[in-house]
Protein backbone atom coordinates (compact mmCIF):
# COMPACT_ATOMS: atom_id res chain seq x y z
CA MET A 1 12.69 28.36 89.28
CA ALA A 2 10.95 30.20 86.23
CA GLN A 3 11.68 29.19 83.00
CA PRO A 4 12.84 32.38 81.22
CA ARG A 5 10.06 33.67 78.02
CA ARG A 6 11.90 32.98 74.53
CA ARG A 7 11.80 36.58 72.37
CA GLY A 8 8.57 37.16 70.27
CA GLY A 9 7.18 34.21 71.76
CA GLY A 10 4.01 35.93 72.79
CA GLY A 11 3.37 32.69 75.43
CA GLY A 12 2.43 30.90 72.37
CA HIS A 13 4.36 27.58 72.76
CA ASN A 14 1.44 25.54 72.63
CA LYS A 15 0.36 26.21 68.47
CA CYS A 16 2.67 25.28 65.60
CA PRO A 17 5.13 27.80 65.05
CA ARG A 18 4.70 27.82 61.13
CA PRO A 19 1.08 27.27 60.59
CA ALA A 20 1.08 28.65 56.53
CA LEU A 21 3.49 25.99 55.74
CA LEU A 22 0.91 23.27 56.11
CA PRO A 23 -0.81 23.52 53.27
CA ALA A 24 2.05 24.34 51.05
CA ALA A 25 3.94 21.01 51.75
CA ALA A 26 0.88 19.33 51.69
CA LEU A 27 0.41 20.43 48.14
CA LEU A 28 3.83 20.06 47.35
CA LEU A 29 3.92 16.22 48.32
CA PHE A 30 0.23 15.89 46.60
CA LEU A 31 2.33 17.23 43.15
CA LEU A 32 5.28 15.09 43.69
CA ALA A 33 2.54 11.77 44.10
CA ALA A 34 0.46 12.69 41.11
CA VAL A 35 4.04 13.21 39.31
CA ALA A 36 5.22 9.68 40.17
CA LEU A 37 2.64 8.19 39.36
CA LEU A 38 2.44 9.39 35.42
CA TYR A 39 6.25 8.17 35.17
CA VAL A 40 5.58 4.83 37.00
CA SER A 41 2.71 3.38 35.61
CA PRO A 42 2.61 2.03 31.92
CA PRO A 43 0.54 3.75 29.31
CA PRO A 44 -2.55 2.12 28.98
CA LEU A 45 -4.44 1.44 25.72
CA THR A 46 -8.11 2.63 25.20
CA ASP A 47 -10.80 0.55 25.03
CA HIS A 48 -11.70 1.54 21.28
CA PRO A 49 -13.06 -1.77 19.75
CA ALA A 50 -9.84 -2.58 18.09
CA LEU A 51 -8.81 -4.08 21.34
CA ALA A 52 -12.65 -5.39 22.13
CA SER A 53 -11.35 -8.59 21.37
CA SER A 54 -8.45 -9.30 23.56
CA ARG A 55 -10.05 -7.73 26.94
CA ARG A 56 -13.42 -7.04 28.64
CA ARG A 57 -15.38 -3.81 27.73
CA SER A 58 -17.52 -1.99 29.35
CA PRO A 59 -21.31 -2.26 28.54
CA HIS A 60 -22.00 1.48 28.92
CA ALA A 61 -19.45 2.16 26.16
CA PRO A 62 -20.88 4.57 23.72
CA LEU A 63 -21.53 3.68 20.36
CA LEU A 64 -21.46 5.94 16.97
CA ASN A 65 -24.75 6.54 15.75
CA SER A 66 -25.35 5.69 12.17
CA SER A 67 -25.22 9.43 10.73
CA GLY A 68 -21.42 9.07 11.73
CA GLY A 69 -20.81 6.35 9.13
CA GLY A 70 -21.09 3.02 11.77
CA SER A 71 -20.67 1.80 15.05
CA THR A 72 -17.86 3.06 17.04
CA VAL A 73 -16.19 2.49 20.48
CA VAL A 74 -15.03 5.82 21.77
CA SER A 75 -11.33 6.03 23.11
CA GLU A 76 -10.49 8.27 25.93
CA HIS A 77 -8.05 10.52 24.97
CA SER A 78 -6.24 11.15 28.07
CA GLU A 79 -5.61 7.93 28.34
CA ILE A 80 -3.98 7.82 24.95
CA SER A 81 -2.23 10.60 25.41
CA ARG A 82 -0.55 9.31 27.55
CA VAL A 83 2.41 6.80 25.70
CA PRO A 84 5.70 8.35 26.81
CA ILE A 85 7.92 10.90 25.00
CA SER A 86 10.67 10.17 24.03
CA LYS A 87 13.42 11.35 21.50
CA GLU A 88 13.06 9.97 17.44
CA ALA A 89 14.69 7.26 16.83
CA ASP A 90 17.09 7.22 13.98
CA GLY A 91 16.05 5.98 10.76
CA LEU A 92 12.59 6.63 10.90
CA TRP A 93 13.08 8.44 7.45
CA GLY A 94 15.20 6.68 5.38
CA SER A 95 18.00 3.12 5.00
CA LYS A 96 21.08 4.01 5.46
CA PHE A 97 21.68 1.59 3.00
CA ALA A 98 19.46 3.77 0.23
CA SER A 99 22.51 5.30 -1.44
CA ARG A 100 23.85 2.10 -2.58
CA PHE A 101 20.75 1.36 -4.38
CA TYR A 102 19.71 2.66 -7.65
CA GLY A 103 16.82 2.17 -10.44
CA CYS A 104 17.83 0.37 -13.40
CA SER A 105 16.05 -0.30 -16.43
CA ASN A 106 17.54 0.38 -19.45
CA SER A 107 16.91 -2.52 -22.59
CA SER A 108 19.86 -4.25 -23.35
CA SER A 109 21.49 -4.12 -27.14
CA ARG A 110 19.76 -7.39 -27.71
CA PHE A 111 16.01 -4.86 -27.00
CA LEU A 112 15.50 -3.93 -30.87
CA GLY A 113 13.77 -0.38 -31.57
CA SER A 114 9.89 -0.35 -32.16
CA SER A 115 10.92 0.84 -35.77
CA VAL A 116 12.53 -2.62 -36.63
CA ILE A 117 10.19 -5.22 -34.85
CA THR A 118 6.11 -3.57 -35.25
CA GLN A 119 3.98 -5.22 -37.73
CA PRO A 120 2.14 -2.56 -39.81
CA ASP A 121 -1.17 -4.74 -39.63
CA ARG A 122 -1.29 -5.91 -36.18
CA TYR A 123 -3.20 -3.59 -33.62
CA LEU A 124 -3.93 -4.64 -29.98
CA MET A 125 -6.77 -2.76 -28.14
CA ILE A 126 -7.26 -3.26 -24.35
CA VAL A 127 -10.29 -2.57 -22.27
CA THR A 128 -8.83 -2.52 -18.45
CA SER A 129 -10.91 -3.15 -15.51
CA GLY A 130 -10.99 -1.63 -11.91
CA GLY A 131 -10.43 1.68 -9.90
CA LEU A 132 -6.76 3.69 -10.67
CA ASN A 133 -4.32 1.66 -9.53
CA GLN A 134 -5.48 -1.93 -10.97
CA GLN A 135 -5.96 0.10 -14.40
CA ARG A 136 -2.57 1.38 -14.34
CA THR A 137 -1.22 -2.84 -13.98
CA GLY A 138 -3.19 -3.38 -16.69
CA ILE A 139 -1.65 -0.33 -19.03
CA ILE A 140 1.45 -1.56 -18.18
CA ASP A 141 1.46 -5.02 -19.17
CA ALA A 142 -0.56 -4.07 -22.68
CA VAL A 143 2.60 -2.28 -23.79
CA VAL A 144 4.94 -5.21 -22.96
CA ALA A 145 1.81 -7.73 -24.22
CA ALA A 146 2.07 -5.13 -27.52
CA ARG A 147 5.69 -6.12 -27.69
CA ILE A 148 5.62 -9.52 -27.26
CA LEU A 149 3.08 -9.16 -30.33
CA ASN A 150 5.38 -6.43 -32.42
CA ALA A 151 1.86 -4.89 -32.45
CA THR A 152 1.03 -1.24 -32.00
CA LEU A 153 -0.72 -0.54 -29.05
CA VAL A 154 -4.10 1.96 -29.31
CA VAL A 155 -3.91 3.67 -26.26
CA PRO A 156 -6.15 1.72 -23.34
CA LYS A 157 -9.44 2.59 -22.59
CA LEU A 158 -10.35 3.11 -19.02
CA ASP A 159 -12.93 1.08 -16.77
CA GLN A 160 -16.17 3.25 -16.70
CA THR A 161 -18.40 0.89 -14.90
CA SER A 162 -16.94 -0.63 -12.73
CA PHE A 163 -17.54 0.01 -8.75
CA TRP A 164 -15.89 3.63 -9.01
CA LYS A 165 -17.81 4.40 -11.69
CA ASP A 166 -15.89 7.19 -12.86
CA ALA A 167 -15.99 8.42 -16.80
CA SER A 168 -12.87 9.17 -17.33
CA ASN A 169 -10.98 8.46 -20.40
CA PHE A 170 -7.19 8.05 -20.36
CA SER A 171 -6.11 11.88 -21.59
CA GLU A 172 -7.78 13.00 -18.54
CA ILE A 173 -5.94 11.10 -16.25
CA PHE A 174 -2.88 10.23 -17.84
CA ASP A 175 -0.68 12.30 -20.29
CA VAL A 176 -1.52 10.93 -23.21
CA ASP A 177 1.18 12.47 -25.51
CA TRP A 178 3.81 11.68 -23.57
CA PHE A 179 3.00 8.73 -22.95
CA ILE A 180 3.39 7.88 -26.90
CA SER A 181 6.60 9.88 -27.19
CA ASN A 182 8.39 8.37 -23.97
CA LEU A 183 7.68 4.75 -24.97
CA SER A 184 8.21 5.23 -29.00
CA LYS A 185 11.05 3.03 -28.96
CA ASP A 186 10.15 0.16 -27.53
CA VAL A 187 6.11 0.35 -28.17
CA LYS A 188 4.53 1.86 -31.34
CA ILE A 189 1.38 3.56 -29.67
CA VAL A 190 -1.27 4.96 -31.68
CA LYS A 191 -4.50 7.35 -29.93
CA GLU A 192 -6.85 6.13 -32.43
CA LEU A 193 -7.23 2.72 -34.29
CA PRO A 194 -6.79 3.81 -38.17
CA GLU A 195 -8.16 2.16 -41.02
CA ILE A 196 -6.46 -0.81 -42.51
CA GLY A 197 -6.36 -1.31 -46.24
CA GLY A 198 -8.99 1.85 -46.76
CA LYS A 199 -11.59 0.70 -43.82
CA LEU A 200 -12.02 0.49 -40.34
CA ARG A 201 -11.52 -3.40 -38.81
CA THR A 202 -14.15 -4.20 -36.38
CA PRO A 203 -11.75 -5.43 -33.41
CA HIS A 204 -11.92 -9.26 -32.28
CA ARG A 205 -12.46 -9.50 -29.21
CA MET A 206 -10.85 -12.36 -26.43
CA ARG A 207 -9.46 -12.63 -22.87
CA VAL A 208 -6.45 -14.37 -22.32
CA PRO A 209 -5.64 -16.31 -19.03
CA ARG A 210 -5.01 -14.41 -16.05
CA LYS A 211 -0.68 -14.70 -15.45
CA CYS A 212 -0.35 -15.38 -19.31
CA THR A 213 3.04 -15.81 -20.60
CA GLN A 214 5.21 -14.75 -23.47
CA ARG A 215 4.43 -18.33 -24.69
CA CYS A 216 0.75 -17.68 -23.48
CA TYR A 217 0.20 -14.73 -26.12
CA VAL A 218 2.39 -15.83 -29.14
CA ASN A 219 -0.01 -19.19 -28.85
CA ARG A 220 -3.12 -17.42 -27.91
CA VAL A 221 -3.40 -14.36 -29.29
CA LEU A 222 -0.91 -14.27 -32.45
CA PRO A 223 -3.39 -16.47 -34.49
CA ALA A 224 -6.02 -14.25 -34.08
CA LEU A 225 -3.36 -10.91 -34.62
CA LEU A 226 -2.23 -12.36 -37.90
CA LYS A 227 -5.97 -13.30 -39.15
CA LYS A 228 -7.99 -10.26 -37.69
CA HIS A 229 -5.48 -7.72 -37.56
CA VAL A 230 -7.03 -6.01 -34.94
CA VAL A 231 -7.87 -7.45 -31.57
CA ARG A 232 -9.34 -6.16 -29.08
CA LEU A 233 -8.50 -7.93 -24.76
CA THR A 234 -11.31 -7.54 -22.43
CA LYS A 235 -11.54 -7.07 -18.48
CA PHE A 236 -7.59 -6.43 -19.03
CA ASP A 237 -6.07 -6.76 -15.47
CA TYR A 238 -3.36 -9.47 -14.24
CA ARG A 239 -3.18 -10.89 -17.28
CA LEU A 240 0.52 -11.15 -18.16
CA ALA A 241 2.77 -13.55 -15.95
CA ASN A 242 4.94 -12.10 -13.34
CA ARG A 243 8.23 -13.28 -14.25
CA LEU A 244 9.21 -12.51 -18.12
CA ASP A 245 12.43 -12.18 -19.13
CA THR A 246 14.83 -9.32 -18.24
CA ASP A 247 14.62 -6.90 -21.16
CA LEU A 248 10.46 -7.14 -21.01
CA GLN A 249 10.77 -6.63 -16.94
CA LYS A 250 12.72 -3.61 -17.50
CA LEU A 251 10.22 -2.23 -20.20
CA ARG A 252 7.59 -2.60 -17.60
CA CYS A 253 9.74 -0.90 -15.25
CA ARG A 254 10.35 1.59 -18.20
CA VAL A 255 6.22 2.04 -18.62
CA ASN A 256 5.31 2.17 -14.81
CA TYR A 257 8.28 4.82 -13.85
CA HIS A 258 9.05 6.84 -16.75
CA GLY A 259 6.44 6.80 -19.19
CA LEU A 260 3.08 6.61 -17.37
CA ARG A 261 2.24 10.13 -15.70
CA PHE A 262 -0.60 11.94 -14.65
CA THR A 263 -2.01 15.24 -16.53
CA GLY A 264 -0.55 18.12 -15.54
CA LEU A 265 -3.86 19.72 -14.07
CA ILE A 266 -3.64 16.60 -11.80
CA GLU A 267 0.27 16.64 -11.23
CA GLU A 268 0.40 20.72 -10.40
CA MET A 269 -2.25 19.66 -7.35
CA GLY A 270 -0.54 17.12 -6.11
CA GLU A 271 2.61 19.10 -5.76
CA LYS A 272 1.06 21.59 -3.96
CA LEU A 273 -0.54 19.20 -1.88
CA ILE A 274 3.07 18.28 -0.80
CA GLN A 275 4.55 21.88 -0.84
CA ARG A 276 1.63 22.46 2.06
CA MET A 277 2.54 19.40 3.48
CA ARG A 278 6.16 20.41 3.60
CA GLU A 279 5.23 23.83 4.93
CA ARG A 280 4.19 22.03 8.25
CA SER A 281 6.79 20.07 8.51
CA LYS A 282 10.43 19.16 7.47
CA HIS A 283 9.51 15.28 7.19
CA PHE A 284 5.95 13.98 7.20
CA ILE A 285 3.93 10.84 7.03
CA ALA A 286 1.10 9.71 4.17
CA LEU A 287 -0.81 7.34 5.26
CA HIS A 288 -3.23 4.72 3.62
CA LEU A 289 -5.52 3.72 5.85
CA ARG A 290 -8.08 1.75 3.40
CA PHE A 291 -10.74 1.62 6.77
CA GLU A 292 -13.89 2.41 4.25
CA PRO A 293 -17.00 0.67 5.46
CA ASP A 294 -17.15 -1.44 1.86
CA MET A 295 -13.46 -2.61 2.88
CA LEU A 296 -14.45 -3.73 6.18
CA ALA A 297 -17.61 -5.53 4.74
CA PHE A 298 -15.37 -7.22 2.30
CA SER A 299 -12.97 -8.40 5.44
CA GLY A 300 -15.39 -9.56 6.91
CA CYS A 301 -13.64 -9.04 10.17
CA TYR A 302 -15.36 -6.99 13.74
CA TYR A 303 -14.03 -4.01 15.51
CA GLY A 304 -16.11 -4.48 18.52
CA GLY A 305 -18.60 -2.04 17.41
CA GLY A 306 -21.63 -4.79 18.63
CA GLU A 307 -24.70 -6.21 16.53
CA LYS A 308 -24.96 -2.20 15.11
CA GLU A 309 -21.53 -2.95 13.39
CA ARG A 310 -22.47 -6.59 12.44
CA LYS A 311 -25.25 -5.55 10.53
CA GLU A 312 -24.09 -2.55 9.23
CA LEU A 313 -21.19 -4.25 6.99
CA GLY A 314 -23.37 -7.46 7.25
CA ALA A 315 -25.49 -5.39 4.90
CA ILE A 316 -22.92 -4.29 2.76
CA ARG A 317 -21.16 -7.76 2.49
CA LYS A 318 -24.07 -9.18 1.06
CA ARG A 319 -23.57 -7.31 -2.09
CA TRP A 320 -20.77 -9.87 -3.17
CA LYS A 321 -22.46 -13.20 -3.93
CA THR A 322 -19.10 -14.70 -4.19
CA LEU A 323 -17.89 -14.30 -0.79
CA HIS A 324 -18.43 -17.21 1.60
CA ALA A 325 -18.14 -16.81 5.58
CA ILE A 326 -15.69 -16.31 8.00
CA ASN A 327 -14.17 -16.35 11.20
CA PRO A 328 -13.56 -13.04 12.07
CA GLU A 329 -11.51 -13.67 15.20
CA LYS A 330 -9.63 -15.75 12.72
CA GLY A 331 -8.93 -13.43 10.26
CA ARG A 332 -7.40 -11.04 12.92
CA ARG A 333 -5.09 -13.46 14.38
CA GLN A 334 -3.96 -14.81 10.90
CA GLY A 335 -3.31 -10.48 9.48
CA ARG A 336 -5.92 -10.24 7.39
CA CYS A 337 -8.33 -7.52 8.52
CA PRO A 338 -6.81 -3.57 8.49
CA LEU A 339 -5.60 -2.45 11.34
CA THR A 340 -7.65 0.61 13.34
CA PRO A 341 -6.52 4.13 13.53
CA GLU A 342 -5.97 3.26 17.22
CA GLU A 343 -3.73 0.51 16.20
CA VAL A 344 -1.99 2.11 13.76
CA GLY A 345 -1.01 4.91 15.52
CA LEU A 346 0.23 2.58 18.35
CA MET A 347 2.60 1.03 16.24
CA LEU A 348 4.10 4.57 14.72
CA ARG A 349 4.73 5.07 18.34
CA ALA A 350 6.25 2.14 18.98
CA LEU A 351 8.37 2.54 16.34
CA GLY A 352 9.66 5.79 17.51
CA TYR A 353 7.63 9.00 15.92
CA ARG A 354 7.25 12.02 17.47
CA ASN A 355 3.54 13.22 18.10
CA ASP A 356 4.54 15.80 16.39
CA VAL A 357 4.41 14.11 13.27
CA HIS A 358 2.67 15.30 10.88
CA ILE A 359 0.10 12.61 8.91
CA TYR A 360 -1.45 12.87 5.12
CA VAL A 361 -4.51 10.46 5.42
CA ALA A 362 -4.88 8.92 2.13
CA SER A 363 -8.43 7.28 2.80
CA GLY A 364 -12.23 7.42 1.47
CA GLU A 365 -14.91 7.58 4.07
CA ILE A 366 -13.39 6.21 7.44
CA TYR A 367 -16.39 3.80 8.89
CA GLY A 368 -16.96 5.74 12.15
CA GLY A 369 -16.19 8.94 11.09
CA ALA A 370 -14.38 11.26 13.07
CA ARG A 371 -14.75 9.34 16.34
CA THR A 372 -12.65 6.11 14.38
CA LEU A 373 -10.34 8.63 13.55
CA ALA A 374 -9.95 10.45 17.17
CA PRO A 375 -7.54 7.67 18.68
CA LEU A 376 -5.03 8.02 16.06
CA LYS A 377 -5.34 12.16 16.12
CA ALA A 378 -5.06 11.49 20.28
CA PHE A 379 -1.64 9.70 19.37
CA PHE A 380 -1.03 12.01 16.50
CA PRO A 381 -2.73 15.68 16.79
CA ASN A 382 -1.33 16.91 13.35
CA LEU A 383 -3.86 14.96 10.52
CA HIS A 384 -4.10 16.50 7.56
CA THR A 385 -6.41 15.51 4.20
CA LYS A 386 -6.36 16.41 1.01
CA GLU A 387 -9.42 18.34 1.98
CA THR A 388 -8.69 19.90 5.16
CA ILE A 389 -5.29 21.61 3.25
CA SER A 390 -7.12 22.84 0.15
CA SER A 391 -9.95 24.99 -0.49
CA LYS A 392 -13.34 23.38 -2.33
CA GLU A 393 -12.31 25.16 -5.81
CA GLU A 394 -9.13 23.76 -6.10
CA LEU A 395 -10.22 20.42 -5.78
CA ALA A 396 -13.74 21.45 -7.96
CA PRO A 397 -11.79 19.81 -11.05
CA PHE A 398 -11.31 16.62 -9.28
CA SER A 399 -13.60 15.86 -6.74
CA LYS A 400 -16.13 14.27 -9.30
CA TYR A 401 -14.08 11.65 -9.99
CA SER A 402 -13.01 8.86 -8.10
CA SER A 403 -9.63 8.71 -9.85
CA ARG A 404 -8.46 11.74 -10.55
CA MET A 405 -8.76 12.18 -6.27
CA ALA A 406 -6.81 8.97 -6.04
CA ALA A 407 -4.45 10.21 -8.40
CA LEU A 408 -3.88 13.03 -5.61
CA ASP A 409 -3.61 10.97 -2.70
CA PHE A 410 -1.24 9.17 -5.12
CA ILE A 411 1.10 11.41 -5.99
CA VAL A 412 1.07 13.21 -1.92
CA CYS A 413 1.78 9.13 -1.20
CA ASP A 414 4.83 8.74 -3.40
CA GLY A 415 6.43 11.82 -2.58
CA SER A 416 6.13 11.30 1.47
CA ASP A 417 9.61 11.01 3.60
CA ALA A 418 7.40 7.86 5.03
CA PHE A 419 4.77 5.94 3.68
CA VAL A 420 2.50 4.01 5.50
CA THR A 421 0.19 1.21 4.01
CA ASN A 422 -2.79 -0.61 6.26
CA ASN A 423 -3.94 -3.17 3.66
CA ASN A 424 -1.70 -4.58 0.38
CA GLY A 425 -3.83 -3.24 -2.17
CA ASN A 426 -2.74 -2.31 -5.63
CA MET A 427 -2.13 0.97 -4.31
CA ALA A 428 0.13 0.18 -1.72
CA LYS A 429 1.94 -2.75 -4.50
CA ILE A 430 2.60 0.01 -6.89
CA LEU A 431 3.91 2.41 -4.45
CA ALA A 432 5.82 0.04 -2.43
CA GLY A 433 7.51 -1.35 -5.68
CA ARG A 434 7.92 2.81 -6.54
CA ARG A 435 9.93 4.04 -3.82
CA ARG A 436 12.06 0.88 -3.84
CA TYR A 437 12.65 1.83 -7.75
CA PHE A 438 13.34 5.68 -6.44
CA GLY A 439 16.22 5.06 -3.60
CA HIS A 440 14.29 3.12 -1.21
CA LYS A 441 11.99 5.58 0.49
CA ARG A 442 10.54 4.62 3.95
CA THR A 443 7.85 2.64 3.60
CA ILE A 444 6.17 0.80 6.19
CA ARG A 445 3.60 -2.35 5.68
CA PRO A 446 1.83 -3.78 8.99
CA ASN A 447 2.78 -6.73 9.89
CA ALA A 448 -0.78 -7.49 11.11
CA LYS A 449 -0.44 -11.48 12.40
CA ARG A 450 2.32 -10.47 14.45
CA LEU A 451 1.07 -7.47 15.39
CA TYR A 452 -2.40 -8.32 16.82
CA SER A 453 -1.02 -10.78 19.04
CA LEU A 454 1.39 -7.76 20.43
CA ILE A 455 -1.35 -5.36 20.74
CA SER A 456 -3.52 -8.04 22.27
CA ASN A 457 -1.63 -8.84 25.00
CA ARG A 458 -0.17 -4.89 25.80
CA ARG A 459 -0.94 -4.80 29.34
CA ASN A 460 0.72 -7.41 30.28
CA MET A 461 3.96 -6.00 29.35
CA SER A 462 5.77 -2.46 30.05
CA TRP A 463 5.96 0.27 26.79
CA ASP A 464 9.43 0.19 26.35
CA SER A 465 9.04 -3.86 25.67
CA PHE A 466 5.92 -3.60 23.97
CA SER A 467 7.79 -0.90 22.10
CA SER A 468 10.87 -2.95 21.46
CA ARG A 469 8.98 -5.64 20.60
CA VAL A 470 7.16 -3.55 18.06
CA ARG A 471 10.19 -2.97 16.39
CA MET A 472 11.19 -6.39 16.00
CA VAL A 473 8.62 -8.00 14.47
CA GLN A 474 8.35 -4.63 11.95
CA LYS A 475 12.04 -5.69 10.81
CA GLY A 476 11.66 -6.76 7.39
CA PHE A 477 8.39 -4.78 6.48
CA MET A 478 10.14 -1.61 6.85
CA GLY A 479 11.17 -0.98 3.15
CA GLU A 480 14.53 -1.64 3.44
CA PRO A 481 16.90 -2.74 0.61
CA LYS A 482 16.94 -6.54 -0.13
CA GLU A 483 13.72 -7.42 2.42
CA LEU A 484 11.88 -9.32 -0.34
CA ARG A 485 14.06 -12.12 -2.73
CA PRO A 486 14.29 -11.28 -5.88
CA GLY A 487 11.35 -12.29 -8.12
CA ARG A 488 9.68 -12.69 -4.62
CA GLY A 489 5.63 -11.22 -4.86
CA GLU A 490 3.92 -9.07 -7.64
CA PHE A 491 6.81 -7.82 -9.71
CA HIS A 492 5.17 -4.25 -9.18
CA GLU A 493 5.69 -4.21 -5.72
CA ASN A 494 9.04 -6.00 -6.06
CA PRO A 495 11.02 -4.44 -9.07
CA SER A 496 14.37 -6.29 -8.43
CA THR A 497 15.41 -6.12 -11.89
CA CYS A 498 15.22 -3.03 -12.31
CA ILE A 499 17.17 -2.57 -9.05
CA CYS A 500 20.79 -2.11 -9.25
CA GLU A 501 23.44 -2.06 -6.25
CA LYS A 502 26.32 -0.13 -6.66
CA THR A 503 29.65 -2.28 -5.74
CA VAL A 504 33.36 -2.48 -6.07
CA SER A 505 33.84 -5.58 -8.07
CA LYS A 506 35.78 -7.45 -6.26
CA THR A 507 34.61 -11.00 -5.81
CA VAL A 508 30.78 -11.98 -6.44
CA ALA A 509 30.89 -14.79 -4.01
CA LYS A 510 31.79 -12.03 -1.13
CA SER A 511 28.60 -10.28 -2.58
CA ASN A 512 26.30 -13.14 -2.39
CA SER A 513 27.57 -14.11 1.03
CA GLN A 514 26.78 -10.74 2.39
CA PHE A 515 23.28 -11.02 0.84
CA GLU A 516 22.16 -14.70 2.11
CA GLN A 517 23.56 -13.01 5.54
CA VAL A 518 21.07 -10.63 5.40
CA LEU A 519 18.29 -13.25 4.60
CA SER A 520 19.46 -15.61 7.06
CA ASN A 521 18.95 -12.86 10.01
CA ASP A 522 16.22 -11.84 8.84
CA THR A 523 15.09 -15.44 8.99
CA GLU A 524 16.01 -15.30 12.64
CA ARG A 525 13.50 -12.46 13.39
CA GLY A 526 10.79 -14.76 12.37
CA ILE A 527 10.33 -13.27 8.50
CA ALA A 528 9.15 -16.00 6.13
CA ILE A 529 11.07 -16.08 3.10
CA GLN A 530 10.87 -17.93 0.34
CA THR A 531 14.20 -19.57 -0.87
CA GLU A 532 14.83 -19.67 -4.56
CA GLN A 533 17.76 -20.19 -7.08
CA VAL A 534 19.47 -17.31 -8.11
CA SER A 535 20.50 -16.85 -11.37
CA SER A 536 23.57 -15.29 -11.81
CA ASN A 537 22.97 -14.20 -15.53
CA ASP A 538 22.54 -10.53 -14.21
CA THR A 539 25.46 -10.20 -11.42
CA GLU A 540 26.98 -8.36 -13.70
CA MET A 541 24.38 -5.26 -13.10
CA GLY A 542 24.91 -5.92 -9.56
CA ILE A 543 22.01 -7.46 -8.63
CA ALA A 544 20.45 -11.17 -8.19
CA THR A 545 17.43 -11.94 -9.81
CA SER A 546 15.54 -15.29 -10.15
CA GLU A 547 13.76 -14.64 -13.53
CA PRO A 548 14.36 -17.08 -15.98
CA THR A 549 15.40 -15.96 -19.83
CA VAL A 550 12.95 -18.23 -21.65
CA PRO A 551 9.55 -18.01 -19.83
CA ASP A 552 8.09 -21.38 -18.89
CA HIS A 553 4.31 -21.78 -18.20
CA THR A 554 3.08 -19.86 -14.91
CA ASP A 555 1.24 -21.91 -12.27
CA GLU A 556 -2.01 -20.19 -13.23
CA GLU A 557 -1.71 -22.25 -16.50
CA ALA A 558 -1.56 -25.90 -14.84
CA GLY A 559 -3.64 -28.44 -16.55
CA GLU A 560 -4.54 -26.48 -19.84
CA SER A 561 -3.95 -28.70 -22.41
CA GLU A 562 -1.32 -28.13 -25.20
CA ALA A 563 -3.82 -28.31 -27.65
CA ASP A 564 -5.90 -25.68 -25.97
CA GLU A 565 -2.62 -23.82 -25.44
CA ASP A 566 -1.68 -23.92 -29.28
CA ALA A 567 -6.06 -22.89 -30.10
CA PRO A 568 -6.00 -19.56 -31.87
CA GLY A 569 -8.72 -17.31 -30.38
CA GLU A 570 -12.59 -17.70 -30.80
CA LYS A 571 -14.39 -14.77 -32.06
CA GLU A 572 -16.38 -15.33 -28.35
CA GLU A 573 -14.74 -13.70 -25.89
CA ILE A 574 -13.12 -16.35 -23.86
CA ILE A 575 -14.30 -16.78 -20.34
CA ASP A 576 -11.07 -16.31 -17.88
CA PRO A 577 -11.32 -19.74 -15.10
CA GLU A 578 -8.61 -18.56 -13.41
CA ALA A 579 -8.47 -16.94 -10.20
CA ASP A 580 -6.70 -14.19 -8.78
CA ASP A 581 -3.38 -15.13 -6.69
CA ASP A 582 -4.59 -13.13 -3.50
CA VAL A 583 -7.85 -13.78 -2.83
CA GLN A 584 -9.12 -17.11 -2.31
CA PHE A 585 -12.67 -16.85 -4.62
CA ARG A 586 -12.98 -16.22 -7.73
CA LEU A 587 -13.56 -12.57 -8.53
CA GLU A 588 -16.49 -12.86 -11.10
CA ASP A 589 -18.64 -10.23 -9.79
CA PRO A 590 -16.59 -6.48 -11.14
CA GLU A 591 -18.10 -4.46 -8.52
CA LEU A 592 -15.86 -7.02 -5.89
CA GLU A 593 -12.81 -6.44 -8.13
CA GLY A 594 -13.30 -2.71 -7.35
CA ILE A 595 -13.60 -2.69 -4.22
CA LEU A 596 -10.21 -5.49 -4.08
CA SER A 597 -8.19 -3.01 -6.52
CA ASP A 598 -7.45 0.12 -4.62
C-alpha cells in the first residue's frame, strides 16, 4: 500500500528539513566555547622582562631600541587584559581604624619658648644635601639642632651642586616667611646672618657625625659655637639621631607637618593637578614608580632586557666608584629591586583595584619609555602624569627645576586617596609619615621580597589563589595604624611620638593587650616586627613610645672615644666616618647620594 504524501513535503523527504539552521547553530556553539574558554582558563601573565627570570622567554621577543630609553620586552596587551574584572574590594581607599588616631605635636609645659632659651650670640647655619626630600629632612633636623644649642637658625642653604643640579634657593621652593613665623615660638629663625658686635663674622665650618644625639651636639658643636659664635654645618643630611626626647620629636613634627610648606605658586599648581585628577574620578591612586635608568643602574638589578640592558645600565653604574658588584637575581629574591610597572599593576589588581581606577604616575624618565609602561597601562588604562593633565605653559615656571617639579609630585601624592611607593627613598618615607600623621591615609609599600616569589610562580596557581596570597603578604604594608612599633624605622616614616589614639581611659592594660594582639597577629602573617621595650611614660597621650627621656649614644657613635666626643669642633671640616643605615657602603660620592635621596 502506498505511503500517503505529507503536506508541503514536495517529495523532498530525503533532504534536511531546515538547512538554514545549521550555520546559526554552529556559530552559537563556537561563541559558547569561546566564552567558556575565557572564564575557565586563568589569566596568564605576559612575557615582560620583569618575569623573565622566572620562566623561559621567546628568543624572538622584540626589544626596545635605545631611542626609547632602554631595552625592554614588550607584553601582549591581549594577555594582560584578561585579568578577571571583579567588584572593588573593601578598604582600598582607607582604613576603618583611621578615625581613632590623630596627629598630636603640641609641646609640653616644660618646653620653654624661644624668647627664653635663645642666646643672643649663637647662630647656626646649615648647608643641605641631596634632592628635595633629602634636603627637607635636613631642614627639619636643623631646626631641632638649633633648639638643642639654644641658637638662632639662619634660613638653610639648599644644595645647588649635586646630581639634581637645581639652582633654586630656599625661598623659591618653601614659604620662608611662614617658616619663620610658624616656628617662632620654638626657634628663632632669621633670613640672613646679622652683624655681631658691629661686624659680620666668618662662620666656623664643621661637620657632625651621622645620627648625632643631643649629647653629641652639646659636646661637639656647642664649644665651637661658644668660641666662634657662628657655626656652619656642611652636608647636613641624616645628622640628627632618630631617637630624641619627646618634646624634640614633637618639634620635628611641627616643622615637617606645619612649618614647612611650599611657595604659593607651587601649592596652587599642585592643587590644580589634584583637582584635575578628581574631575576624572572620585578616588585616585598616586604611584611613585621610581623606574628611572639611574635608579635601576644603582640597584644593579636585571629586568630581562638582554645584553643591551646590561650594557646600558652597566655604563651608568660605572659613574659611582663606591658601588660593589651584586648578584641581580639575589637582589630580586631579597626584595632590593624596584618592582616593574607590570608587577606594580599585578599587585594593585590582586589587591582589588579595578581597571577603571585613575592613576597619577609621579616619576622621572621611565627606563624603556612608553613601552615599559604599556603593561601597567593595559591593567589601568587611565594613567596620568603632570605633563598629561597640564599644559607646557602651566609647567613652564617649574620644568627647568627638578626640585620644583618634585614638589608638584609631592603635593599630588600627598593629596591622593591611595599612595603607592615603589622604593624606600626619602619621598616615600616622608609621605608615609605625613599620611600617618594626617589620618592614616592609605599608603601601600610593596612587600617586594614576598611578591617576587609569588609572581615568579604565578602560572602555577589560579588568579583567585594569586590574589588571595598577594593580599596576605601585603598585610602590614598598607598604611594601617600600628603597623610599625613605636621607634621602629626612620622617625620621618613612623612619627609615633606625634600620633595619638582616641581612647576611653578604662584600663591601660586592656589597651596594651589589644596592641600586643595586633603585633602577634601580624607576626603570624609573616611580618617581621622588632620587639622593643614599650615605655609607659606617654600612655596618658594614648600611645606607646619607646623613646627614652634622656637620649643615649646611637649605634652610629659606638666606638668613638669619650675624648673625641668631648673635643670641641676643629677649624677644618670634620670628615664623617659614618655610613648611612640604609646602605651597605659609604656614600662618599655626592652624586650617588643624590640618586638615593628621593
